[in-house]
Amino acid sequence: MEPEVLSGLIGFGGAVLGALIGGATSLIATKLTLNHQRDQAKEAHLLELGQAATDTALSELIANGEFLGSSGATR
């Protein structure tokens, strides 16, 4: 085999291998980014649920306090 052809094949093989490694690295980085975004969305959703539960409990406490205050005043 001619040295020029062999050199060209090695160069082409290196380019293909480099593209594969680059593509795999890009996919891994994308997966890590998506996992991080999913974790952040899950955390935000849990905070939102906690806030809604807190608001509901506070509203019920206020309503109960008003009820107990109004029923105690009529006695």
C-alpha atoms as a PDB file:
ATOM      1  CA  MET A   1       0.000   0.000   0.000  1.00  0.00           C
ATOM      2  CA  GLU A   2       1.284   3.444  -0.882  1.00  0.00           C
ATOM      3  CA  PRO A   3       2.342   5.619   2.086  1.00  0.00           C
ATOM      4  CA  GLU A   4       0.039   8.413   0.946  1.00  0.00           C
ATOM      5  CA  VAL A   5      -2.998   6.125   0.916  1.00  0.00           C
ATOM      6  CA  LEU A   6      -2.080   4.652   4.284  1.00  0.00           C
ATOM      7  CA  SER A   7      -1.617   8.128   5.728  1.00  0.00           C
ATOM      8  CA  GLY A   8      -4.979   9.197   4.309  1.00  0.00           C
ATOM      9  CA  LEU A   9      -6.734   6.160   5.791  1.00  0.00           C
ATOM     10  CA  ILE A  10      -5.163   6.775   9.212  1.00  0.00           C
ATOM     11  CA  GLY A  11      -6.188  10.427   9.029  1.00  0.00           C
ATOM     12  CA  PHE A  12      -9.727   9.517   8.012  1.00  0.00           C
ATOM     13  CA  GLY A  13      -9.931   6.917  10.787  1.00  0.00           C
ATOM     14  CA  GLY A  14      -8.764   9.512  13.285  1.00  0.00           C
ATOM     15  CA  ALA A  15     -11.395  11.952  12.070  1.00  0.00           C
ATOM     16  CA  VAL A  16     -14.145   9.341  12.379  1.00  0.00           C
ATOM     17  CA  LEU A  17     -12.948   8.321  15.835  1.00  0.00           C
ATOM     18  CA  GLY A  18     -12.781  11.973  16.886  1.00  0.00           C
ATOM     19  CA  ALA A  19     -16.332  12.551  15.641  1.00  0.00           C
ATOM     20  CA  LEU A  20     -17.576   9.516  17.558  1.00  0.00           C
ATOM     21  CA  ILE A  21     -15.866  10.613  20.761  1.00  0.00           C
ATOM     22  CA  GLY A  22     -17.152  14.162  20.319  1.00  0.00           C
ATOM     23  CA  GLY A  23     -20.679  12.926  19.663  1.00  0.00           C
ATOM     24  CA  ALA A  24     -20.617  10.649  22.705  1.00  0.00           C
ATOM     25  CA  THR A  25     -19.332  13.479  24.877  1.00  0.00           C
ATOM     26  CA  SER A  26     -22.080  15.752  23.600  1.00  0.00           C
ATOM     27  CA  LEU A  27     -24.752  13.137  24.348  1.00  0.00           C
ATOM     28  CA  ILE A  28     -23.427  12.611  27.877  1.00  0.00           C
ATOM     29  CA  ALA A  29     -23.377  16.363  28.509  1.00  0.00           C
ATOM     30  CA  THR A  30     -26.944  16.680  27.208  1.00  0.00           C
ATOM     31  CA  LYS A  31     -28.105  13.819  29.434  1.00  0.00           C
ATOM     32  CA  LEU A  32     -26.466  15.390  32.483  1.00  0.00           C
ATOM     33  CA  THR A  33     -28.078  18.748  31.694  1.00  0.00           C
ATOM     34  CA  LEU A  34     -31.510  17.171  31.273  1.00  0.00           C
ATOM     35  CA  ASN A  35     -31.125  15.255  34.546  1.00  0.00           C
ATOM     36  CA  HIS A  36     -30.186  18.463  36.333  1.00  0.00           C
ATOM     37  CA  GLN A  37     -33.161  20.310  34.836  1.00  0.00           C
ATOM     38  CA  ARG A  38     -35.482  17.447  35.825  1.00  0.00           C
ATOM     39  CA  ASP A  39     -34.162  17.555  39.395  1.00  0.00           C
ATOM     40  CA  GLN A  40     -34.698  21.319  39.536  1.00  0.00           C
ATOM     41  CA  ALA A  41     -38.244  20.974  38.184  1.00  0.00           C
ATOM     42  CA  LYS A  42     -39.007  18.250  40.735  1.00  0.00           C
ATOM     43  CA  GLU A  43     -37.669  20.435  43.555  1.00  0.00           C
ATOM     44  CA  ALA A  44     -39.728  23.415  42.371  1.00  0.00           C
ATOM     45  CA  HIS A  45     -42.840  21.232  42.176  1.00  0.00           C
ATOM     46  CA  LEU A  46     -42.293  19.948  45.724  1.00  0.00           C
ATOM     47  CA  LEU A  47     -41.817  23.496  46.996  1.00  0.00           C
ATOM     48  CA  GLU A  48     -45.033  24.514  45.239  1.00  0.00           C
ATOM     49  CA  LEU A  49     -46.934  21.593  46.816  1.00  0.00           C
ATOM     50  CA  GLY A  50     -45.526  22.465  50.235  1.00  0.00           C
ATOM     51  CA  GLN A  51     -46.558  26.089  49.843  1.00  0.00           C
ATOM     52  CA  ALA A  52     -50.079  25.076  48.801  1.00  0.00           C
ATOM     53  CA  ALA A  53     -50.365  22.757  51.809  1.00  0.00           C
ATOM     54  CA  THR A  54     -49.115  25.520  54.119  1.00  0.00           C
ATOM     55  CA  ASP A  55     -51.598  28.010  52.678  1.00  0.00           C
ATOM     56  CA  THR A  56     -54.458  25.531  53.077  1.00  0.00           C
ATOM     57  CA  ALA A  57     -53.526  24.719  56.667  1.00  0.00           C
ATOM     58  CA  LEU A  58     -53.203  28.408  57.531  1.00  0.00           C
ATOM     59  CA  SER A  59     -56.580  29.196  55.967  1.00  0.00           C
ATOM     60  CA  GLU A  60     -58.195  26.389  57.943  1.00  0.00           C
ATOM     61  CA  LEU A  61     -56.594  27.609  61.181  1.00  0.00           C
ATOM     62  CA  ILE A  62     -57.839  31.129  60.557  1.00  0.00           C
ATOM     63  CA  ALA A  63     -61.342  29.867  59.742  1.00  0.00           C
ATOM     64  CA  ASN A  64     -61.374  27.679  62.869  1.00  0.00           C
ATOM     65  CA  GLY A  65     -60.153  30.586  64.974  1.00  0.00           C
ATOM     66  CA  GLU A  66     -62.892  32.814  63.604  1.00  0.00           C
ATOM     67  CA  PHE A  67     -65.499  30.109  64.200  1.00  0.00           C
ATOM     68  CA  LEU A  68     -64.345  29.507  67.746  1.00  0.00           C
ATOM     69  CA  GLY A  69     -64.197  33.249  68.395  1.00  0.00           C
ATOM     70  CA  SER A  70     -67.712  33.827  67.084  1.00  0.00           C
ATOM     71  CA  SER A  71     -69.223  30.849  68.918  1.00  0.00           C
ATOM     72  CA  GLY A  72     -67.553  31.904  72.189  1.00  0.00           C
ATOM     73  CA  ALA A  73     -68.913  35.430  71.898  1.00  0.00           C
ATOM     74  CA  THR A  74     -72.524  34.247  71.742  1.00  0.00           C
ATOM     75  CA  ARG A  75     -72.399  32.459  75.081  1.00  0.00           C
END
